[in-house]
Amino acid sequence: MKKNILLIVALMGAMAWTGCMKVEEELIDEKPDVVEPETNTDTYTLTILAERNDGAQTKGLAVDGEEATTTSLLSVWKDGETVEVYLGSNHIGTLTATPDAEDAHKATLSGEVTTSEIIANTTRLTLLTPREEWDYTGQVGALLISDDAAHSIEQKYHYTKATDVLVTGVDGSAITTDNAIFTNQQSIYRLSFRYNNGSSKTPITTKSVTISSANGHLVQREVLGSSPTEGPVSVTLGTATTDPFFVALRNGDGTNAEALTFTVVDNTGVTYRGSKTIPAEYKPNGTFLSVKNASLDQRLDLALSNTEVDTVL
């Protein structure tokens, strides 16, 4: 009898334990699954109607007349020209321009962008030409691609930008936007120099020039959304010349008149120096300025020497 009682108690305990296990299992089963938020990155087809206007908003790399004498630069789109697309400071794709057959001031930009944040009537895009690297260093004095296909201002240094381009529709993987108006991000200077010794002016056969600004805001390079790197801009010509050449300069101070200082090295290594005041009305980026035959009144008479010396006095 005693054994039977112990057996019954043991069985009841086992049943109770099993019951607890079942209840706990049921409670565990009832806990909701934790769903991690998904961050989908999608590729969209983007089409934008773009425009450049003559004047302060021009890209300005088609010459009206001869480079050395023209008083105006025209704004036109080139077939196959690339446009970089940004969402905030993030690069999300590249578009290609197809100019309007009747008016090359206008073009259709098309291509793909990849992002997870496109919302119709909310998302705004920034567009930049001609390349992703916004950098004014390494210029060679050439204006057009026909002058230098690799290092001309047209190819590498004449940046135009359209900001706050509103996404107006998202239809599946296709995006539409408002029209984009591009504005120049720098001015173009046409330069040549003479040495003024006080009695006569002699043309300088320029090999290189370093340009600095009194207010200290010439831009060397810039990244969207960040402060620019500022400092002097140097240009080295492929061939030394007395003829005018071209430099793209972006000035962070587009309001106040200031003096630009030119330090010029000629084909023999002689260094010249002088300044030219740029009036306030010509300071805003997007201006074409001709500074031909600028007079430099300082000269370092010792030319650079290729002779090696092994003693120091």
Protein backbone atom coordinates (compact mmCIF):
# COMPACT_ATOMS: atom_id res chain seq x y z
CA MET A 1 0.00 0.00 0.00
CA LYS A 2 2.82 2.32 0.89
CA LYS A 3 4.48 1.62 -2.44
CA ASN A 4 1.25 2.38 -4.28
CA ILE A 5 0.92 5.75 -2.49
CA LEU A 6 4.50 6.68 -3.41
CA LEU A 7 3.86 5.68 -7.00
CA ILE A 8 0.71 7.82 -7.17
CA VAL A 9 2.60 10.82 -5.71
CA ALA A 10 5.41 10.35 -8.20
CA LEU A 11 2.97 10.15 -11.07
CA MET A 12 1.16 13.30 -9.90
CA GLY A 13 4.51 15.13 -9.63
CA ALA A 14 5.48 14.07 -13.14
CA MET A 15 2.09 15.20 -14.46
CA ALA A 16 2.49 18.56 -12.71
CA TRP A 17 5.99 19.00 -14.16
CA THR A 18 4.78 18.05 -17.60
CA GLY A 19 1.93 20.50 -17.24
CA CYS A 20 4.37 23.26 -16.33
CA MET A 21 6.50 22.43 -19.32
CA LYS A 22 3.49 22.60 -21.60
CA VAL A 23 2.38 25.93 -20.20
CA GLU A 24 5.89 27.33 -20.60
CA GLU A 25 6.10 26.00 -24.12
CA GLU A 26 2.77 27.56 -24.93
CA LEU A 27 3.97 30.89 -23.52
CA ILE A 28 7.14 30.69 -25.61
CA ASP A 29 5.11 29.88 -28.72
CA GLU A 30 2.94 32.92 -28.09
CA LYS A 31 5.88 35.35 -28.17
CA PRO A 32 5.82 37.40 -31.41
CA ASP A 33 8.68 36.96 -33.86
CA VAL A 34 11.17 39.84 -33.90
CA VAL A 35 11.20 41.29 -37.44
CA GLU A 36 14.34 43.20 -38.39
CA PRO A 37 13.63 46.34 -40.46
CA GLU A 38 14.58 45.90 -44.11
CA THR A 39 16.68 48.45 -45.96
CA ASN A 40 16.00 47.80 -49.61
CA THR A 41 18.25 49.42 -52.16
CA ASP A 42 16.50 49.84 -55.48
CA THR A 43 17.67 50.88 -58.94
CA TYR A 44 15.53 53.46 -60.72
CA THR A 45 15.48 54.87 -64.23
CA LEU A 46 15.69 58.67 -64.06
CA THR A 47 14.79 61.13 -66.84
CA ILE A 48 15.23 64.89 -66.43
CA LEU A 49 14.75 67.83 -68.77
CA ALA A 50 17.70 70.21 -68.25
CA GLU A 51 18.52 73.71 -69.44
CA ARG A 52 21.44 76.13 -69.52
CA ASN A 53 20.89 79.81 -70.22
CA ASP A 54 23.40 82.34 -71.60
CA GLY A 55 24.56 84.82 -68.98
CA ALA A 56 25.53 84.13 -65.38
CA GLN A 57 23.94 80.67 -65.52
CA THR A 58 25.80 79.40 -68.58
CA LYS A 59 28.16 76.50 -68.77
CA GLY A 60 29.96 78.72 -71.27
CA LEU A 61 32.27 76.40 -73.17
CA ALA A 62 31.30 77.03 -76.75
CA VAL A 63 33.20 80.06 -78.09
CA ASP A 64 31.47 82.77 -80.09
CA GLY A 65 34.36 83.65 -82.42
CA GLU A 66 38.10 83.23 -81.71
CA GLU A 67 39.30 82.20 -78.26
CA ALA A 68 41.83 85.03 -78.02
CA THR A 69 39.35 87.78 -78.89
CA THR A 70 35.82 86.59 -78.10
CA THR A 71 33.73 88.60 -75.69
CA SER A 72 31.20 85.85 -75.01
CA LEU A 73 31.01 82.16 -74.25
CA LEU A 74 27.88 80.20 -75.13
CA SER A 75 26.07 77.57 -73.09
CA VAL A 76 25.36 74.33 -74.92
CA TRP A 77 24.95 70.68 -74.04
CA LYS A 78 27.23 68.15 -75.72
CA ASP A 79 25.98 64.72 -76.80
CA GLY A 80 27.03 62.10 -74.27
CA GLU A 81 28.02 64.62 -71.60
CA THR A 82 27.79 63.07 -68.13
CA VAL A 83 25.91 64.41 -65.13
CA GLU A 84 26.48 63.10 -61.60
CA VAL A 85 23.42 62.66 -59.33
CA TYR A 86 23.49 63.16 -55.55
CA LEU A 87 20.99 62.57 -52.77
CA GLY A 88 22.29 64.83 -50.04
CA SER A 89 26.04 64.24 -50.18
CA ASN A 90 25.70 60.65 -51.46
CA HIS A 91 26.51 59.94 -55.09
CA ILE A 92 23.71 57.68 -56.40
CA GLY A 93 24.24 57.54 -60.16
CA THR A 94 25.32 59.07 -63.48
CA LEU A 95 23.12 60.45 -66.26
CA THR A 96 23.94 61.07 -69.92
CA ALA A 97 22.85 64.14 -71.88
CA THR A 98 21.06 64.09 -75.22
CA PRO A 99 20.86 67.69 -76.54
CA ASP A 100 17.66 69.02 -78.05
CA ALA A 101 18.01 68.87 -81.84
CA GLU A 102 16.64 72.40 -82.26
CA ASP A 103 18.15 74.12 -79.20
CA ALA A 104 21.35 72.78 -77.63
CA HIS A 105 20.76 74.97 -74.56
CA LYS A 106 18.34 72.18 -73.59
CA ALA A 107 18.87 68.46 -73.14
CA THR A 108 17.28 65.28 -71.83
CA LEU A 109 19.29 63.62 -69.08
CA SER A 110 18.74 59.90 -68.58
CA GLY A 111 20.30 57.02 -66.70
CA GLU A 112 20.02 54.92 -63.55
CA VAL A 113 20.31 55.78 -59.86
CA THR A 114 20.53 53.39 -56.92
CA THR A 115 19.10 54.37 -53.54
CA SER A 116 16.52 53.42 -50.91
CA GLU A 117 15.16 56.87 -50.18
CA ILE A 118 13.13 58.11 -53.16
CA ILE A 119 9.76 59.62 -52.17
CA ALA A 120 7.60 61.46 -54.71
CA ASN A 121 7.06 65.17 -53.98
CA THR A 122 9.54 65.00 -51.09
CA THR A 123 12.95 63.84 -52.34
CA ARG A 124 15.17 66.52 -53.87
CA LEU A 125 18.27 65.77 -55.93
CA THR A 126 21.47 67.66 -56.73
CA LEU A 127 23.09 67.35 -60.17
CA LEU A 128 26.75 68.16 -60.93
CA THR A 129 28.76 68.22 -64.18
CA PRO A 130 31.22 67.30 -65.63
CA ARG A 131 32.61 64.78 -63.09
CA GLU A 132 32.26 63.56 -59.53
CA GLU A 133 35.61 64.99 -58.35
CA TRP A 134 35.10 68.73 -57.76
CA ASP A 135 38.71 69.88 -58.09
CA TYR A 136 40.43 72.91 -59.68
CA THR A 137 44.02 71.74 -59.35
CA GLY A 138 46.10 70.49 -62.29
CA GLN A 139 44.84 72.93 -64.94
CA VAL A 140 46.89 73.39 -68.14
CA GLY A 141 45.41 76.62 -69.56
CA ALA A 142 43.29 74.94 -72.27
CA LEU A 143 39.63 75.95 -72.66
CA LEU A 144 37.96 73.45 -75.00
CA ILE A 145 38.17 69.71 -75.54
CA SER A 146 39.42 70.53 -79.04
CA ASP A 147 42.40 72.25 -77.37
CA ASP A 148 43.14 69.42 -74.94
CA ALA A 149 40.91 66.36 -74.80
CA ALA A 150 42.15 65.21 -71.39
CA HIS A 151 42.84 68.32 -69.29
CA SER A 152 40.83 71.22 -70.77
CA ILE A 153 38.42 73.26 -68.68
CA GLU A 154 35.53 71.90 -70.73
CA GLN A 155 36.56 68.32 -69.98
CA LYS A 156 37.46 68.59 -66.29
CA TYR A 157 37.12 71.98 -64.60
CA HIS A 158 33.96 73.78 -65.63
CA TYR A 159 31.43 72.62 -63.07
CA THR A 160 27.73 73.39 -63.31
CA LYS A 161 25.17 72.43 -60.69
CA ALA A 162 21.39 72.11 -60.36
CA THR A 163 20.08 71.98 -56.79
CA ASP A 164 16.77 71.03 -55.15
CA VAL A 165 15.46 69.16 -58.20
CA LEU A 166 12.16 67.77 -56.90
CA VAL A 167 11.18 64.17 -57.62
CA THR A 168 7.58 64.53 -58.87
CA GLY A 169 6.72 60.89 -59.52
CA VAL A 170 7.76 57.30 -58.89
CA ASP A 171 6.09 54.77 -61.20
CA GLY A 172 7.54 51.35 -60.49
CA SER A 173 11.24 51.80 -61.21
CA ALA A 174 10.82 55.01 -63.24
CA ILE A 175 11.40 58.45 -61.67
CA THR A 176 10.33 61.83 -63.02
CA THR A 177 11.40 65.25 -61.72
CA ASP A 178 10.94 68.94 -62.21
CA ASN A 179 13.12 70.54 -64.90
CA ALA A 180 16.72 71.17 -63.81
CA ILE A 181 18.36 74.58 -64.29
CA PHE A 182 22.17 74.40 -64.17
CA THR A 183 24.32 77.29 -62.94
CA ASN A 184 28.07 77.88 -63.21
CA GLN A 185 30.14 77.17 -60.13
CA GLN A 186 33.17 79.24 -61.18
CA SER A 187 34.31 82.03 -63.46
CA ILE A 188 36.58 81.65 -66.46
CA TYR A 189 39.59 83.97 -66.75
CA ARG A 190 41.46 84.63 -69.98
CA LEU A 191 45.01 85.63 -69.03
CA SER A 192 48.26 86.88 -70.54
CA PHE A 193 51.03 88.95 -68.95
CA ARG A 194 53.60 91.68 -69.58
CA TYR A 195 56.52 92.82 -67.46
CA ASN A 196 56.40 96.55 -66.69
CA ASN A 197 59.82 97.87 -65.68
CA GLY A 198 58.54 101.43 -65.36
CA SER A 199 59.52 102.55 -68.84
CA SER A 200 58.37 99.73 -71.13
CA LYS A 201 56.13 96.66 -71.15
CA THR A 202 57.47 93.37 -72.48
CA PRO A 203 55.31 90.30 -73.15
CA ILE A 204 56.06 87.38 -70.80
CA THR A 205 56.35 83.92 -72.32
CA THR A 206 54.36 82.21 -69.59
CA LYS A 207 55.14 78.64 -68.59
CA SER A 208 53.22 78.59 -65.30
CA VAL A 209 51.21 80.87 -63.03
CA THR A 210 50.08 80.64 -59.43
CA ILE A 211 47.03 82.73 -58.54
CA SER A 212 46.24 83.79 -54.98
CA SER A 213 43.49 86.04 -53.62
CA ALA A 214 43.73 88.81 -51.06
CA ASN A 215 40.60 87.58 -49.29
CA GLY A 216 41.90 84.00 -49.29
CA HIS A 217 38.84 82.19 -50.64
CA LEU A 218 39.92 80.70 -53.95
CA VAL A 219 38.69 77.12 -53.97
CA GLN A 220 41.13 74.31 -54.74
CA ARG A 221 38.66 71.45 -54.26
CA GLU A 222 35.23 70.88 -52.78
CA VAL A 223 32.94 68.05 -51.69
CA LEU A 224 29.16 68.45 -51.69
CA GLY A 225 27.93 69.17 -48.18
CA SER A 226 31.40 69.99 -46.81
CA SER A 227 33.54 73.12 -46.46
CA PRO A 228 35.87 73.68 -49.44
CA THR A 229 39.65 73.46 -49.37
CA GLU A 230 40.88 76.97 -50.15
CA GLY A 231 44.24 78.27 -51.32
CA PRO A 232 46.24 79.38 -54.38
CA VAL A 233 45.50 77.75 -57.74
CA SER A 234 48.46 76.84 -59.98
CA VAL A 235 48.38 76.32 -63.75
CA THR A 236 51.18 74.80 -65.83
CA LEU A 237 50.93 75.22 -69.58
CA GLY A 238 51.93 72.42 -71.92
CA THR A 239 53.88 74.93 -74.03
CA ALA A 240 55.12 78.31 -72.83
CA THR A 241 53.41 81.15 -74.71
CA THR A 242 52.75 84.89 -74.85
CA ASP A 243 49.23 84.13 -76.12
CA PRO A 244 46.18 84.23 -73.85
CA PHE A 245 45.22 81.06 -71.96
CA PHE A 246 42.31 80.14 -69.70
CA VAL A 247 41.83 79.35 -66.02
CA ALA A 248 38.69 78.31 -64.10
CA LEU A 249 38.51 79.95 -60.68
CA ARG A 250 35.86 79.39 -58.03
CA ASN A 251 35.83 82.12 -55.39
CA GLY A 252 34.15 81.50 -52.05
CA ASP A 253 33.80 85.29 -51.72
CA GLY A 254 31.60 86.31 -54.61
CA THR A 255 30.72 89.74 -53.24
CA ASN A 256 33.68 91.94 -52.39
CA ALA A 257 36.24 93.50 -54.71
CA GLU A 258 39.70 92.05 -54.20
CA ALA A 259 43.17 91.80 -55.66
CA LEU A 260 44.33 88.63 -57.35
CA THR A 261 48.09 88.15 -57.23
CA PHE A 262 49.81 86.40 -60.15
CA THR A 263 53.19 84.74 -59.72
CA VAL A 264 54.38 83.87 -63.23
CA VAL A 265 57.37 81.78 -64.29
CA ASP A 266 58.54 82.22 -67.88
CA ASN A 267 60.16 79.75 -70.28
CA THR A 268 63.66 80.58 -68.94
CA GLY A 269 62.73 80.22 -65.26
CA VAL A 270 62.52 83.94 -64.46
CA THR A 271 59.75 84.74 -61.96
CA TYR A 272 57.43 87.77 -62.21
CA ARG A 273 54.82 88.98 -59.78
CA GLY A 274 51.98 91.50 -59.74
CA SER A 275 48.35 92.05 -58.78
CA LYS A 276 45.09 92.92 -60.49
CA THR A 277 42.00 94.22 -58.69
CA ILE A 278 38.74 92.50 -59.66
CA PRO A 279 35.74 94.82 -59.13
CA ALA A 280 32.85 93.53 -57.02
CA GLU A 281 30.44 93.40 -59.97
CA TYR A 282 32.69 90.86 -61.73
CA LYS A 283 33.24 88.66 -58.69
CA PRO A 284 30.17 86.35 -58.75
CA ASN A 285 30.88 82.86 -60.08
CA GLY A 286 29.59 82.43 -63.62
CA THR A 287 31.44 85.41 -65.14
CA PHE A 288 33.79 85.43 -68.13
CA LEU A 289 36.67 87.83 -67.48
CA SER A 290 39.38 88.83 -69.93
CA VAL A 291 42.61 89.91 -68.21
CA LYS A 292 44.91 90.09 -71.21
CA ASN A 293 48.32 91.79 -70.99
CA ALA A 294 48.12 92.23 -67.23
CA SER A 295 51.16 94.22 -66.10
CA LEU A 296 53.47 92.64 -63.52
CA ASP A 297 55.93 95.06 -61.94
CA GLN A 298 58.09 92.71 -59.88
CA ARG A 299 60.81 90.49 -61.27
CA LEU A 300 63.17 88.04 -59.65
CA ASP A 301 66.25 88.62 -61.80
CA LEU A 302 67.89 85.28 -61.02
CA ALA A 303 66.63 82.63 -63.38
CA LEU A 304 66.39 79.02 -62.25
CA SER A 305 69.57 77.10 -63.01
CA ASN A 306 70.03 73.48 -63.98
CA THR A 307 73.65 73.53 -62.79
CA GLU A 308 74.22 71.36 -59.73
CA VAL A 309 76.35 72.75 -56.92
CA ASP A 310 77.95 70.75 -54.14
CA THR A 311 79.21 73.54 -51.89
CA VAL A 312 77.35 76.07 -49.78
CA LEU A 313 78.87 79.45 -48.86
